[in-house]
């Protein structure tokens, strides 16, 4: 026997070994594990969501590190934060209205894994005056432009030390534009004027205790000045005005156990006034001062 007779035998052995390995692979002996798929069990708010305030939500589930996306209704800028784990991630967004908002988490492929609904309360501002405090509840879902404008002045502290410079007990009390020492001085500068949100569109009305924006004869001219309706003033609504514009209502003065706004409104109505120089008896001789103002909700 020569050495050349071993070559065919060796080739046959290798071929069989290769076939056996192929068979094992086909039967699953050498296959890879299945791909992981994210699941979401819960979406919870870390703190009660607040209008126009960045809010954070905790997402709990499995395989969340495989890639997820967030979206929201009524809550702007939904974002999945970095630094999460396979079982827990954070999502943020900024509520753009009061009422219900919905936060959703989707898999990398786009299918929604879970949606949770949260309630956003109407924002409130506490206005402390020399006569007492007023609590104003705002309507961002109905008058978003006007509410955002008012809150910007509140946040800036613009209204502090301004006065109610026009008061008519059978009509309204107007403020937000003047300071007072020995004379009235217009406070400057103001923010840019805002578009008029007509009551015919918002569904709000100039009824007693509502707060609305003061403006010039130009519809889109309101800046910082506001007024509180001391009685029902339907003729200030767009529907009741001669030109179809009217004045934009954006909230209501309310009372709570901590803030009795009714007592302050009664004191505001009783303020002593004189002729304002233009034939209207509305100029307070000792104008009520806004000493502090802040958002409380």
Protein backbone atom coordinates (compact mmCIF):
# COMPACT_ATOMS: atom_id res chain seq x y z
CA UNK A 1 0.00 0.00 0.00
CA UNK A 2 1.31 3.45 -0.89
CA UNK A 3 0.76 6.80 0.87
CA UNK A 4 -1.43 8.07 -2.00
CA UNK A 5 -4.25 5.68 -1.02
CA UNK A 6 -4.89 7.71 2.19
CA UNK A 7 -5.91 10.90 0.37
CA UNK A 8 -9.40 9.82 -0.80
CA UNK A 9 -10.20 8.41 2.66
CA UNK A 10 -9.28 11.69 4.35
CA UNK A 11 -11.35 13.75 1.96
CA UNK A 12 -14.36 11.52 2.58
CA UNK A 13 -14.05 12.02 6.36
CA UNK A 14 -13.89 15.80 6.12
CA UNK A 15 -16.89 15.88 3.86
CA UNK A 16 -18.96 13.85 6.34
CA UNK A 17 -17.87 16.04 9.23
CA UNK A 18 -18.95 19.13 7.32
CA UNK A 19 -22.31 17.54 6.58
CA UNK A 20 -22.85 16.68 10.24
CA UNK A 21 -22.07 20.25 11.31
CA UNK A 22 -24.52 21.54 8.74
CA UNK A 23 -27.20 19.21 10.05
CA UNK A 24 -26.65 20.38 13.61
CA UNK A 25 -26.95 23.99 12.53
CA UNK A 26 -30.14 23.27 10.63
CA UNK A 27 -31.61 21.67 13.73
CA UNK A 28 -30.84 24.72 15.88
CA UNK A 29 -27.81 23.48 17.68
CA UNK A 30 -25.68 26.40 16.46
CA UNK A 31 -28.40 29.16 16.02
CA UNK A 32 -28.48 32.64 17.75
CA UNK A 33 -31.00 33.75 20.44
CA UNK A 34 -34.12 35.73 19.38
CA UNK A 35 -34.01 39.60 19.30
CA UNK A 36 -35.14 41.46 22.43
CA UNK A 37 -38.34 43.51 22.24
CA UNK A 38 -39.20 46.36 24.62
CA UNK A 39 -42.32 46.21 26.79
CA UNK A 40 -43.80 48.97 28.97
CA UNK A 41 -45.68 48.17 32.15
CA UNK A 42 -46.33 51.63 33.60
CA UNK A 43 -45.94 55.36 32.87
CA UNK A 44 -46.18 57.53 35.99
CA UNK A 45 -45.67 61.25 36.69
CA UNK A 46 -42.77 62.09 39.01
CA UNK A 47 -44.79 65.12 40.20
CA UNK A 48 -48.23 66.47 39.25
CA UNK A 49 -47.89 67.92 35.73
CA UNK A 50 -48.30 71.71 35.54
CA UNK A 51 -49.19 73.94 32.61
CA UNK A 52 -46.19 75.37 30.71
CA UNK A 53 -43.77 73.67 33.12
CA UNK A 54 -41.35 70.90 32.15
CA UNK A 55 -42.77 67.68 33.59
CA UNK A 56 -41.02 64.33 34.06
CA UNK A 57 -42.54 60.85 33.70
CA UNK A 58 -41.06 57.49 34.74
CA UNK A 59 -41.41 54.54 32.35
CA UNK A 60 -41.03 51.02 33.76
CA UNK A 61 -40.80 47.87 31.68
CA UNK A 62 -38.33 45.43 30.11
CA UNK A 63 -35.70 45.71 27.37
CA UNK A 64 -36.18 49.48 27.26
CA UNK A 65 -32.55 49.85 26.19
CA UNK A 66 -33.39 48.38 22.77
CA UNK A 67 -34.63 51.80 21.69
CA UNK A 68 -37.92 53.55 22.42
CA UNK A 69 -39.55 56.83 21.39
CA UNK A 70 -41.94 59.18 23.19
CA UNK A 71 -44.83 61.30 21.95
CA UNK A 72 -47.57 63.26 23.66
CA UNK A 73 -50.88 64.99 23.08
CA UNK A 74 -51.27 68.35 24.80
CA UNK A 75 -47.67 68.19 26.03
CA UNK A 76 -44.96 69.70 23.84
CA UNK A 77 -41.43 68.44 23.23
CA UNK A 78 -41.79 64.82 24.36
CA UNK A 79 -38.24 63.47 24.87
CA UNK A 80 -36.69 60.23 26.14
CA UNK A 81 -33.84 61.17 28.47
CA UNK A 82 -30.47 59.46 28.24
CA UNK A 83 -29.10 57.47 31.15
CA UNK A 84 -31.96 55.00 31.49
CA UNK A 85 -31.68 51.26 32.04
CA UNK A 86 -33.31 48.21 30.48
CA UNK A 87 -36.13 48.45 33.04
CA UNK A 88 -36.49 52.19 33.70
CA UNK A 89 -36.28 55.39 31.63
CA UNK A 90 -37.43 59.00 32.01
CA UNK A 91 -39.57 60.99 29.57
CA UNK A 92 -40.12 64.76 29.69
CA UNK A 93 -42.57 67.16 28.02
CA UNK A 94 -44.17 70.54 28.75
CA UNK A 95 -47.99 70.64 29.10
CA UNK A 96 -49.39 73.20 26.66
CA UNK A 97 -52.92 73.28 28.10
CA UNK A 98 -54.95 72.41 31.15
CA UNK A 99 -57.18 69.35 31.20
CA UNK A 100 -56.11 65.87 30.09
CA UNK A 101 -52.81 65.19 28.36
CA UNK A 102 -51.61 61.83 27.00
CA UNK A 103 -48.03 60.52 27.06
CA UNK A 104 -47.15 57.55 24.80
CA UNK A 105 -44.09 55.31 24.50
CA UNK A 106 -43.41 53.41 21.27
CA UNK A 107 -40.97 50.67 20.29
CA UNK A 108 -38.09 51.35 17.92
CA UNK A 109 -40.24 50.03 15.08
CA UNK A 110 -42.97 52.59 15.78
CA UNK A 111 -45.68 50.49 17.45
CA UNK A 112 -47.14 52.14 20.59
CA UNK A 113 -46.38 50.11 23.69
CA UNK A 114 -48.40 52.11 26.23
CA UNK A 115 -50.25 55.41 26.64
CA UNK A 116 -51.07 57.08 29.95
CA UNK A 117 -53.38 60.03 30.59
CA UNK A 118 -52.71 62.74 33.16
CA UNK A 119 -54.79 65.68 34.39
CA UNK A 120 -53.26 69.17 34.31
CA UNK A 121 -55.00 71.71 36.59
CA UNK A 122 -55.71 75.27 35.55
CA UNK A 123 -52.82 77.50 36.64
CA UNK A 124 -53.44 79.95 39.47
CA UNK A 125 -51.78 83.25 40.38
CA UNK A 126 -51.93 84.87 43.81
CA UNK A 127 -51.96 88.66 43.70
CA UNK A 128 -51.27 90.32 47.04
CA UNK A 129 -52.49 93.91 47.24
CA UNK A 130 -52.65 96.63 49.87
CA UNK A 131 -56.33 95.70 50.29
CA UNK A 132 -55.85 91.93 50.58
CA UNK A 133 -55.17 89.00 48.26
CA UNK A 134 -56.79 87.87 45.03
CA UNK A 135 -56.49 84.38 43.56
CA UNK A 136 -56.78 84.27 39.78
CA UNK A 137 -57.47 80.98 37.99
CA UNK A 138 -56.38 81.07 34.34
CA UNK A 139 -57.78 79.47 31.18
CA UNK A 140 -54.85 78.35 28.97
CA UNK A 141 -56.91 75.83 26.99
CA UNK A 142 -59.30 78.59 25.89
CA UNK A 143 -57.05 81.67 25.79
CA UNK A 144 -53.49 80.32 25.40
CA UNK A 145 -51.89 83.47 23.98
CA UNK A 146 -53.33 85.78 26.64
CA UNK A 147 -52.54 83.43 29.53
CA UNK A 148 -48.95 82.93 28.40
CA UNK A 149 -48.52 86.71 28.10
CA UNK A 150 -49.93 87.35 31.60
CA UNK A 151 -47.79 84.63 33.16
CA UNK A 152 -44.68 86.07 31.53
CA UNK A 153 -45.33 89.42 33.28
CA UNK A 154 -45.97 87.56 36.54
CA UNK A 155 -42.74 85.58 36.19
CA UNK A 156 -40.78 88.77 35.48
CA UNK A 157 -42.18 90.46 38.60
CA UNK A 158 -43.44 93.24 36.36
CA UNK A 159 -46.67 93.82 38.27
CA UNK A 160 -45.02 94.32 41.67
CA UNK A 161 -45.60 97.92 42.88
CA UNK A 162 -48.03 98.67 40.07
CA UNK A 163 -51.46 99.99 41.08
CA UNK A 164 -55.12 99.83 40.18
CA UNK A 165 -55.31 103.21 38.48
CA UNK A 166 -58.94 103.08 37.30
CA UNK A 167 -61.79 101.82 39.46
CA UNK A 168 -65.52 102.07 38.80
CA UNK A 169 -67.54 100.09 41.34
CA UNK A 170 -70.40 99.46 38.90
CA UNK A 171 -68.05 98.43 36.10
CA UNK A 172 -64.45 97.20 36.59
CA UNK A 173 -61.03 97.79 38.21
CA UNK A 174 -58.05 98.26 35.90
CA UNK A 175 -54.37 97.81 36.73
CA UNK A 176 -51.00 96.54 35.61
CA UNK A 177 -49.67 99.62 33.88
CA UNK A 178 -48.85 102.40 36.38
CA UNK A 179 -46.88 103.00 39.54
CA UNK A 180 -47.77 105.75 42.01
CA UNK A 181 -45.69 108.09 44.14
CA UNK A 182 -46.99 111.61 44.21
CA UNK A 183 -48.26 111.12 40.66
CA UNK A 184 -49.11 108.23 38.37
CA UNK A 185 -46.23 107.02 36.20
CA UNK A 186 -46.60 104.61 33.28
CA UNK A 187 -44.39 101.55 33.78
CA UNK A 188 -42.07 100.77 30.87
CA UNK A 189 -41.07 98.85 28.91
CA UNK A 190 -43.77 96.33 28.12
CA UNK A 191 -43.60 93.18 26.08
CA UNK A 192 -44.80 93.18 22.49
CA UNK A 193 -48.57 93.52 22.01
CA UNK A 194 -50.50 90.28 21.60
CA UNK A 195 -53.24 89.13 19.25
CA UNK A 196 -56.81 89.50 20.53
CA UNK A 197 -58.44 86.22 21.53
CA UNK A 198 -62.09 87.08 21.00
CA UNK A 199 -64.72 85.78 23.40
CA UNK A 200 -66.72 84.62 20.38
CA UNK A 201 -63.93 82.11 19.76
CA UNK A 202 -62.82 81.25 23.32
CA UNK A 203 -66.31 80.80 24.74
CA UNK A 204 -65.42 82.95 27.75
CA UNK A 205 -67.44 85.98 28.82
CA UNK A 206 -66.91 89.29 30.64
CA UNK A 207 -68.95 88.30 33.67
CA UNK A 208 -68.41 89.45 37.25
CA UNK A 209 -65.06 88.30 38.76
CA UNK A 210 -63.47 87.48 35.40
CA UNK A 211 -60.15 89.03 34.42
CA UNK A 212 -59.57 90.42 30.91
CA UNK A 213 -56.95 92.36 28.99
CA UNK A 214 -57.18 96.12 28.58
CA UNK A 215 -56.18 97.55 25.19
CA UNK A 216 -56.42 100.60 22.96
CA UNK A 217 -58.95 100.94 20.16
CA UNK A 218 -56.73 98.65 18.07
CA UNK A 219 -57.81 95.01 18.59
CA UNK A 220 -54.30 93.53 18.78
CA UNK A 221 -52.78 96.08 21.17
CA UNK A 222 -52.94 94.51 24.66
CA UNK A 223 -49.64 94.41 26.58
CA UNK A 224 -49.52 94.38 30.40
CA UNK A 225 -52.72 96.08 31.55
CA UNK A 226 -55.67 94.00 32.70
CA UNK A 227 -59.02 94.62 34.36
CA UNK A 228 -61.29 92.70 36.72
CA UNK A 229 -64.99 92.82 35.92
CA UNK A 230 -66.78 93.91 39.09
CA UNK A 231 -70.21 93.24 37.51
CA UNK A 232 -71.46 91.41 34.42
CA UNK A 233 -70.31 93.35 31.35
CA UNK A 234 -71.70 91.47 28.36
CA UNK A 235 -71.21 94.51 26.13
CA UNK A 236 -67.44 93.93 26.42
CA UNK A 237 -67.75 90.57 24.70
CA UNK A 238 -67.03 90.29 21.00
CA UNK A 239 -70.64 89.25 20.46
CA UNK A 240 -71.95 92.37 22.20
CA UNK A 241 -69.50 94.92 20.78
CA UNK A 242 -70.23 97.17 17.83
CA UNK A 243 -67.11 96.10 15.91
CA UNK A 244 -67.08 92.38 16.78
CA UNK A 245 -63.84 92.59 18.76
CA UNK A 246 -64.54 93.10 22.45
CA UNK A 247 -62.04 92.34 25.21
CA UNK A 248 -60.20 89.07 25.84
CA UNK A 249 -61.17 87.21 29.03
CA UNK A 250 -58.49 84.80 30.26
CA UNK A 251 -59.39 83.83 33.82
CA UNK A 252 -61.56 84.18 36.91
CA UNK A 253 -60.98 85.49 40.43
CA UNK A 254 -61.75 82.65 42.84
CA UNK A 255 -61.73 82.14 46.59
CA UNK A 256 -60.28 79.30 48.68
CA UNK A 257 -59.90 78.58 52.39
CA UNK A 258 -56.56 80.42 52.25
CA UNK A 259 -57.54 83.32 49.98
CA UNK A 260 -60.87 85.12 50.41
CA UNK A 261 -60.90 87.06 47.16
CA UNK A 262 -64.47 88.27 47.73
CA UNK A 263 -63.39 90.40 50.69
CA UNK A 264 -60.64 92.01 48.61
CA UNK A 265 -62.99 92.64 45.69
CA UNK A 266 -65.44 94.35 48.04
CA UNK A 267 -62.64 96.58 49.32
CA UNK A 268 -61.61 97.33 45.75
CA UNK A 269 -65.13 98.40 44.88
CA UNK A 270 -65.18 100.75 47.89
CA UNK A 271 -62.01 102.63 46.91
CA UNK A 272 -62.45 106.42 46.93
CA UNK A 273 -62.14 107.90 43.43
CA UNK A 274 -62.16 111.35 41.83
CA UNK A 275 -62.46 112.75 38.33
CA UNK A 276 -59.60 111.43 36.21
CA UNK A 277 -59.36 114.65 34.22
CA UNK A 278 -61.24 113.24 31.28
CA UNK A 279 -64.71 113.45 32.80
CA UNK A 280 -64.72 109.99 34.37
CA UNK A 281 -64.88 109.56 38.15
CA UNK A 282 -62.50 106.62 38.34
CA UNK A 283 -59.11 107.83 39.62
CA UNK A 284 -58.31 106.41 43.10
CA UNK A 285 -57.06 109.02 45.56
CA UNK A 286 -55.10 106.28 47.34
CA UNK A 287 -54.61 103.61 44.65
CA UNK A 288 -54.45 99.96 45.73
CA UNK A 289 -50.93 98.59 45.20
CA UNK A 290 -49.93 95.12 44.03
CA UNK A 291 -47.24 94.31 46.59
CA UNK A 292 -46.49 90.75 45.45
CA UNK A 293 -47.60 88.36 42.75
CA UNK A 294 -46.65 84.76 42.00
CA UNK A 295 -47.89 81.62 40.40
CA UNK A 296 -49.11 79.12 43.00
CA UNK A 297 -50.23 76.31 40.67
